[in-house]
């Protein structure tokens, strides 16, 4: 197995996480569930470009690129950006994005710490 195959297999094996949003309910009164996969470096680079535009733009971009439904299809499109920015509860979006980022940052810091430890010679 080539290195790239091993890396992509590892990413696929990381699985999908979920966030239950109790304040966001469907027509039957069930809490909405958002699914998301771990960040790729490409997604991180994409989000870094939004940092200069401010936290609101960054949060919306994160939601657009990461939020999935139960069938692993994107919940939002780029054309939803104006609605997300202007007609949605900023606290709800912020809390969802914080959960996505918290998981990513925690794993990244932990994994980086392990991977940066010197190997015995």
N, C-alpha and C. Protein backbone atom coordinates (compact mmCIF):
# COMPACT_ATOMS: atom_id res chain seq x y z
N UNK A 1 0.85 -1.18 0.00
CA UNK A 1 0.00 0.00 0.00
C UNK A 1 0.89 1.23 0.00
N UNK A 2 0.57 2.16 -0.88
CA UNK A 2 1.33 3.40 -0.96
C UNK A 2 0.96 4.33 0.19
N UNK A 3 1.84 5.24 0.48
CA UNK A 3 1.63 6.17 1.61
C UNK A 3 0.33 6.95 1.45
N UNK A 4 0.04 7.44 0.23
CA UNK A 4 -1.17 8.24 0.04
C UNK A 4 -2.42 7.40 0.28
N UNK A 5 -2.37 6.14 -0.11
CA UNK A 5 -3.52 5.25 0.12
C UNK A 5 -3.73 5.04 1.61
N UNK A 6 -2.63 4.89 2.33
CA UNK A 6 -2.70 4.69 3.77
C UNK A 6 -3.28 5.93 4.47
N UNK A 7 -2.85 7.11 4.02
CA UNK A 7 -3.36 8.35 4.61
C UNK A 7 -4.85 8.54 4.34
N UNK A 8 -5.28 8.29 3.12
CA UNK A 8 -6.69 8.48 2.82
C UNK A 8 -7.55 7.42 3.51
N UNK A 9 -7.03 6.23 3.66
CA UNK A 9 -7.76 5.19 4.39
C UNK A 9 -7.92 5.59 5.86
N UNK A 10 -6.85 6.14 6.44
CA UNK A 10 -6.91 6.61 7.82
C UNK A 10 -8.00 7.67 7.98
N UNK A 11 -8.06 8.63 7.05
CA UNK A 11 -9.07 9.69 7.13
C UNK A 11 -10.48 9.11 7.05
N UNK A 12 -10.69 8.20 6.14
CA UNK A 12 -12.03 7.58 5.99
C UNK A 12 -12.41 6.81 7.25
N UNK A 13 -11.44 6.22 7.92
CA UNK A 13 -11.71 5.45 9.13
C UNK A 13 -12.00 6.33 10.36
N UNK A 14 -11.73 7.63 10.26
CA UNK A 14 -12.00 8.51 11.38
C UNK A 14 -13.49 8.63 11.66
N UNK A 15 -14.29 8.42 10.62
CA UNK A 15 -15.73 8.42 10.81
C UNK A 15 -16.37 9.79 10.81
N UNK A 16 -17.66 9.77 11.14
CA UNK A 16 -18.49 10.97 11.13
C UNK A 16 -18.93 11.26 12.56
N UNK A 17 -18.86 12.51 12.94
CA UNK A 17 -19.33 12.95 14.26
C UNK A 17 -20.72 13.56 14.11
N UNK A 18 -21.39 13.77 15.22
CA UNK A 18 -22.69 14.42 15.16
C UNK A 18 -22.88 15.39 16.30
N UNK A 19 -23.71 16.38 16.05
CA UNK A 19 -24.09 17.37 17.05
C UNK A 19 -25.61 17.39 17.09
N UNK A 20 -26.16 17.21 18.28
CA UNK A 20 -27.60 17.30 18.46
C UNK A 20 -27.91 18.73 18.90
N UNK A 21 -28.74 19.42 18.12
CA UNK A 21 -29.06 20.82 18.39
C UNK A 21 -30.47 20.86 18.97
N UNK A 22 -30.56 20.85 20.29
CA UNK A 22 -31.85 20.78 20.98
C UNK A 22 -32.76 21.97 20.69
N UNK A 23 -32.18 23.15 20.46
CA UNK A 23 -32.99 24.35 20.22
C UNK A 23 -33.53 24.43 18.80
N UNK A 24 -33.05 23.56 17.92
CA UNK A 24 -33.46 23.56 16.52
C UNK A 24 -34.24 22.27 16.30
N UNK A 25 -35.54 22.37 16.16
CA UNK A 25 -36.37 21.17 16.07
C UNK A 25 -37.06 21.08 14.71
N UNK A 26 -37.35 19.83 14.31
CA UNK A 26 -38.07 19.62 13.05
C UNK A 26 -39.58 19.74 13.28
N UNK A 27 -40.36 19.45 12.27
CA UNK A 27 -41.82 19.59 12.35
C UNK A 27 -42.45 18.68 13.41
N UNK A 28 -41.77 17.56 13.73
CA UNK A 28 -42.29 16.64 14.74
C UNK A 28 -41.78 16.95 16.15
N UNK A 29 -40.98 17.99 16.28
CA UNK A 29 -40.45 18.37 17.58
C UNK A 29 -39.16 17.67 17.97
N UNK A 30 -38.55 16.94 17.02
CA UNK A 30 -37.28 16.25 17.29
C UNK A 30 -36.11 17.21 17.13
N UNK A 31 -35.14 17.07 17.99
CA UNK A 31 -33.94 17.90 17.89
C UNK A 31 -33.23 17.61 16.56
N UNK A 32 -32.72 18.67 15.96
CA UNK A 32 -32.01 18.55 14.69
C UNK A 32 -30.62 17.98 14.95
N UNK A 33 -30.17 17.11 14.06
CA UNK A 33 -28.84 16.52 14.20
C UNK A 33 -28.01 16.93 12.99
N UNK A 34 -26.83 17.45 13.26
CA UNK A 34 -25.88 17.82 12.22
C UNK A 34 -24.72 16.84 12.29
N UNK A 35 -24.33 16.33 11.15
CA UNK A 35 -23.21 15.41 11.06
C UNK A 35 -22.05 16.14 10.40
N UNK A 36 -20.84 15.71 10.71
CA UNK A 36 -19.66 16.32 10.08
C UNK A 36 -18.48 15.36 10.15
N UNK A 37 -17.63 15.48 9.15
CA UNK A 37 -16.41 14.69 9.09
C UNK A 37 -15.25 15.54 9.64
N UNK A 38 -14.16 14.90 10.04
CA UNK A 38 -12.99 15.67 10.50
C UNK A 38 -12.50 16.61 9.39
N UNK A 39 -11.82 17.65 9.79
CA UNK A 39 -11.28 18.62 8.84
C UNK A 39 -10.15 18.01 8.02
N UNK A 40 -10.09 18.43 6.76
CA UNK A 40 -8.94 18.14 5.92
C UNK A 40 -8.07 19.41 5.88
N UNK A 41 -6.85 19.28 5.43
CA UNK A 41 -6.00 20.47 5.31
C UNK A 41 -6.57 21.45 4.30
N UNK A 42 -7.20 20.95 3.26
CA UNK A 42 -7.84 21.82 2.27
C UNK A 42 -8.94 22.66 2.88
N UNK A 43 -9.73 22.05 3.76
CA UNK A 43 -10.80 22.79 4.42
C UNK A 43 -10.23 23.82 5.39
N UNK A 44 -9.18 23.47 6.08
CA UNK A 44 -8.53 24.42 7.00
C UNK A 44 -8.01 25.61 6.21
N UNK A 45 -7.37 25.36 5.07
CA UNK A 45 -6.85 26.45 4.24
C UNK A 45 -7.99 27.34 3.75
N UNK A 46 -9.10 26.71 3.39
CA UNK A 46 -10.27 27.48 2.93
C UNK A 46 -10.81 28.37 4.04
N UNK A 47 -10.88 27.84 5.26
CA UNK A 47 -11.35 28.64 6.39
C UNK A 47 -10.38 29.76 6.74
N UNK A 48 -9.09 29.51 6.60
CA UNK A 48 -8.10 30.55 6.89
C UNK A 48 -8.30 31.77 6.01
N UNK A 49 -8.73 31.56 4.78
CA UNK A 49 -8.98 32.70 3.88
C UNK A 49 -10.15 33.55 4.37
N UNK A 50 -11.05 32.96 5.14
CA UNK A 50 -12.20 33.69 5.66
C UNK A 50 -11.90 34.41 6.97
N UNK A 51 -10.78 34.14 7.59
CA UNK A 51 -10.45 34.76 8.87
C UNK A 51 -10.38 36.28 8.76
N UNK A 52 -9.89 36.79 7.65
CA UNK A 52 -9.76 38.23 7.48
C UNK A 52 -11.12 38.91 7.29
N UNK A 53 -12.15 38.13 6.93
CA UNK A 53 -13.48 38.69 6.72
C UNK A 53 -14.27 38.81 8.01
N UNK A 54 -13.77 38.20 9.08
CA UNK A 54 -14.43 38.30 10.37
C UNK A 54 -15.03 36.98 10.82
N UNK A 55 -15.41 36.95 12.10
CA UNK A 55 -15.92 35.73 12.71
C UNK A 55 -17.23 35.25 12.10
N UNK A 56 -18.10 36.16 11.74
CA UNK A 56 -19.39 35.76 11.18
C UNK A 56 -19.20 35.03 9.85
N UNK A 57 -18.39 35.59 8.98
CA UNK A 57 -18.12 34.95 7.68
C UNK A 57 -17.42 33.60 7.87
N UNK A 58 -16.50 33.55 8.82
CA UNK A 58 -15.79 32.31 9.11
C UNK A 58 -16.75 31.24 9.62
N UNK A 59 -17.64 31.60 10.52
CA UNK A 59 -18.60 30.65 11.08
C UNK A 59 -19.53 30.12 9.99
N UNK A 60 -20.03 31.00 9.14
CA UNK A 60 -20.92 30.57 8.07
C UNK A 60 -20.20 29.66 7.08
N UNK A 61 -18.97 30.00 6.74
CA UNK A 61 -18.20 29.15 5.82
C UNK A 61 -17.96 27.77 6.43
N UNK A 62 -17.66 27.72 7.71
CA UNK A 62 -17.47 26.45 8.40
C UNK A 62 -18.75 25.62 8.32
N UNK A 63 -19.87 26.24 8.58
CA UNK A 63 -21.16 25.54 8.53
C UNK A 63 -21.45 25.03 7.12
N UNK A 64 -21.16 25.85 6.13
CA UNK A 64 -21.41 25.45 4.74
C UNK A 64 -20.56 24.26 4.34
N UNK A 65 -19.29 24.26 4.71
CA UNK A 65 -18.42 23.18 4.24
C UNK A 65 -18.48 21.93 5.11
N UNK A 66 -18.92 22.04 6.37
CA UNK A 66 -18.87 20.88 7.26
C UNK A 66 -20.21 20.23 7.57
N UNK A 67 -21.31 20.98 7.61
CA UNK A 67 -22.60 20.45 8.06
C UNK A 67 -23.20 19.48 7.04
N UNK A 68 -23.49 18.27 7.51
CA UNK A 68 -24.07 17.21 6.67
C UNK A 68 -25.37 16.72 7.27
N UNK A 69 -26.22 16.12 6.44
CA UNK A 69 -27.42 15.46 6.95
C UNK A 69 -27.10 13.99 7.25
N UNK A 70 -28.11 13.23 7.62
CA UNK A 70 -27.92 11.83 7.98
C UNK A 70 -27.43 10.99 6.80
N UNK A 71 -27.67 11.46 5.58
CA UNK A 71 -27.22 10.76 4.38
C UNK A 71 -25.87 11.24 3.88
N UNK A 72 -25.22 12.06 4.70
CA UNK A 72 -23.90 12.62 4.41
C UNK A 72 -23.90 13.60 3.24
N UNK A 73 -25.03 14.26 3.04
CA UNK A 73 -25.16 15.29 2.01
C UNK A 73 -25.07 16.65 2.69
N UNK A 74 -24.48 17.62 1.99
CA UNK A 74 -24.33 18.96 2.56
C UNK A 74 -25.69 19.57 2.89
N UNK A 75 -25.77 20.16 4.08
CA UNK A 75 -27.00 20.82 4.49
C UNK A 75 -27.15 22.20 3.85
N UNK A 76 -26.04 22.85 3.58
CA UNK A 76 -26.08 24.23 3.08
C UNK A 76 -25.21 24.37 1.83
N UNK A 77 -25.61 25.33 1.00
CA UNK A 77 -24.87 25.66 -0.21
C UNK A 77 -24.32 27.09 -0.07
N UNK A 78 -23.39 27.42 -0.95
CA UNK A 78 -22.85 28.78 -0.93
C UNK A 78 -23.96 29.82 -1.14
N UNK A 79 -24.99 29.44 -1.88
CA UNK A 79 -26.09 30.38 -2.12
C UNK A 79 -26.91 30.63 -0.86
N UNK A 80 -26.72 29.82 0.19
CA UNK A 80 -27.39 30.04 1.47
C UNK A 80 -26.68 31.07 2.35
N UNK A 81 -25.49 31.48 1.93
CA UNK A 81 -24.68 32.41 2.73
C UNK A 81 -25.44 33.66 3.18
N UNK A 82 -26.10 34.39 2.27
CA UNK A 82 -26.81 35.60 2.72
C UNK A 82 -27.88 35.31 3.77
N UNK A 83 -28.60 34.21 3.60
CA UNK A 83 -29.64 33.85 4.57
C UNK A 83 -29.02 33.50 5.91
N UNK A 84 -27.95 32.72 5.89
CA UNK A 84 -27.27 32.35 7.13
C UNK A 84 -26.72 33.58 7.85
N UNK A 85 -26.22 34.53 7.09
CA UNK A 85 -25.65 35.74 7.69
C UNK A 85 -26.70 36.72 8.20
N UNK A 86 -27.84 36.78 7.52
CA UNK A 86 -28.79 37.86 7.80
C UNK A 86 -30.12 37.45 8.41
N UNK A 87 -30.46 36.16 8.37
CA UNK A 87 -31.78 35.76 8.84
C UNK A 87 -31.76 34.55 9.77
N UNK A 88 -30.63 34.25 10.37
CA UNK A 88 -30.52 33.11 11.28
C UNK A 88 -29.92 33.56 12.60
N UNK A 89 -30.25 32.83 13.65
CA UNK A 89 -29.77 33.13 14.99
C UNK A 89 -28.26 32.94 15.07
N UNK A 90 -27.57 34.03 15.30
CA UNK A 90 -26.10 33.96 15.34
C UNK A 90 -25.61 33.10 16.49
N UNK A 91 -26.34 33.07 17.59
CA UNK A 91 -25.92 32.23 18.72
C UNK A 91 -25.99 30.75 18.38
N UNK A 92 -27.03 30.34 17.67
CA UNK A 92 -27.15 28.94 17.29
C UNK A 92 -26.04 28.54 16.33
N UNK A 93 -25.81 29.35 15.31
CA UNK A 93 -24.74 29.06 14.35
C UNK A 93 -23.40 29.04 15.06
N UNK A 94 -23.17 30.01 15.91
CA UNK A 94 -21.91 30.09 16.64
C UNK A 94 -21.69 28.84 17.51
N UNK A 95 -22.73 28.40 18.21
CA UNK A 95 -22.61 27.22 19.07
C UNK A 95 -22.34 25.95 18.27
N UNK A 96 -22.98 25.80 17.13
CA UNK A 96 -22.75 24.64 16.28
C UNK A 96 -21.31 24.63 15.79
N UNK A 97 -20.86 25.78 15.29
CA UNK A 97 -19.50 25.87 14.76
C UNK A 97 -18.47 25.66 15.87
N UNK A 98 -18.73 26.18 17.06
CA UNK A 98 -17.81 25.96 18.18
C UNK A 98 -17.66 24.48 18.48
N UNK A 99 -18.76 23.73 18.42
CA UNK A 99 -18.70 22.29 18.66
C UNK A 99 -17.87 21.59 17.60
N UNK A 100 -18.07 21.97 16.34
CA UNK A 100 -17.29 21.38 15.25
C UNK A 100 -15.82 21.69 15.43
N UNK A 101 -15.51 22.96 15.73
CA UNK A 101 -14.12 23.39 15.88
C UNK A 101 -13.47 22.79 17.12
N UNK A 102 -14.23 22.69 18.21
CA UNK A 102 -13.69 22.15 19.46
C UNK A 102 -13.19 20.72 19.24
N UNK A 103 -13.97 19.93 18.57
CA UNK A 103 -13.58 18.56 18.29
C UNK A 103 -12.32 18.54 17.43
N UNK A 104 -12.29 19.36 16.42
CA UNK A 104 -11.14 19.41 15.52
C UNK A 104 -9.88 19.89 16.24
N UNK A 105 -10.01 20.94 17.03
CA UNK A 105 -8.84 21.49 17.73
C UNK A 105 -8.33 20.52 18.78
N UNK A 106 -9.21 19.86 19.50
CA UNK A 106 -8.79 18.92 20.53
C UNK A 106 -8.02 17.76 19.95
N UNK A 107 -8.52 17.20 18.87
CA UNK A 107 -7.84 16.07 18.24
C UNK A 107 -6.53 16.51 17.63
N UNK A 108 -6.54 17.67 16.99
CA UNK A 108 -5.34 18.14 16.34
C UNK A 108 -4.23 18.38 17.34
N UNK A 109 -4.54 19.06 18.43
CA UNK A 109 -3.52 19.35 19.44
C UNK A 109 -2.98 18.06 20.04
N UNK A 110 -3.86 17.13 20.34
CA UNK A 110 -3.44 15.87 20.94
C UNK A 110 -2.57 15.07 19.98
N UNK A 111 -3.02 14.96 18.73
CA UNK A 111 -2.27 14.20 17.74
C UNK A 111 -0.94 14.88 17.43
N UNK A 112 -0.94 16.20 17.34
CA UNK A 112 0.31 16.90 17.06
C UNK A 112 1.30 16.66 18.18
N UNK A 113 0.84 16.70 19.41
CA UNK A 113 1.73 16.45 20.54
C UNK A 113 2.35 15.08 20.48
N UNK A 114 1.57 14.09 20.13
CA UNK A 114 2.10 12.73 20.01
C UNK A 114 3.10 12.63 18.87
N UNK A 115 2.75 13.24 17.74
CA UNK A 115 3.58 13.11 16.56
C UNK A 115 4.86 13.93 16.63
N UNK A 116 4.90 14.94 17.49
CA UNK A 116 6.10 15.77 17.59
C UNK A 116 7.09 15.28 18.65
N UNK A 117 6.71 14.26 19.38
CA UNK A 117 7.63 13.73 20.38
C UNK A 117 8.81 13.09 19.68
N UNK A 118 10.03 13.31 20.21
CA UNK A 118 11.20 12.72 19.55
C UNK A 118 11.13 11.20 19.62
N UNK A 119 11.58 10.59 18.55
CA UNK A 119 11.63 9.13 18.54
C UNK A 119 12.97 8.68 19.08
N UNK A 120 12.98 7.57 19.82
CA UNK A 120 14.24 7.09 20.37
C UNK A 120 15.17 6.67 19.25
N UNK A 121 16.47 6.95 19.45
CA UNK A 121 17.43 6.56 18.40
C UNK A 121 18.17 5.31 18.75
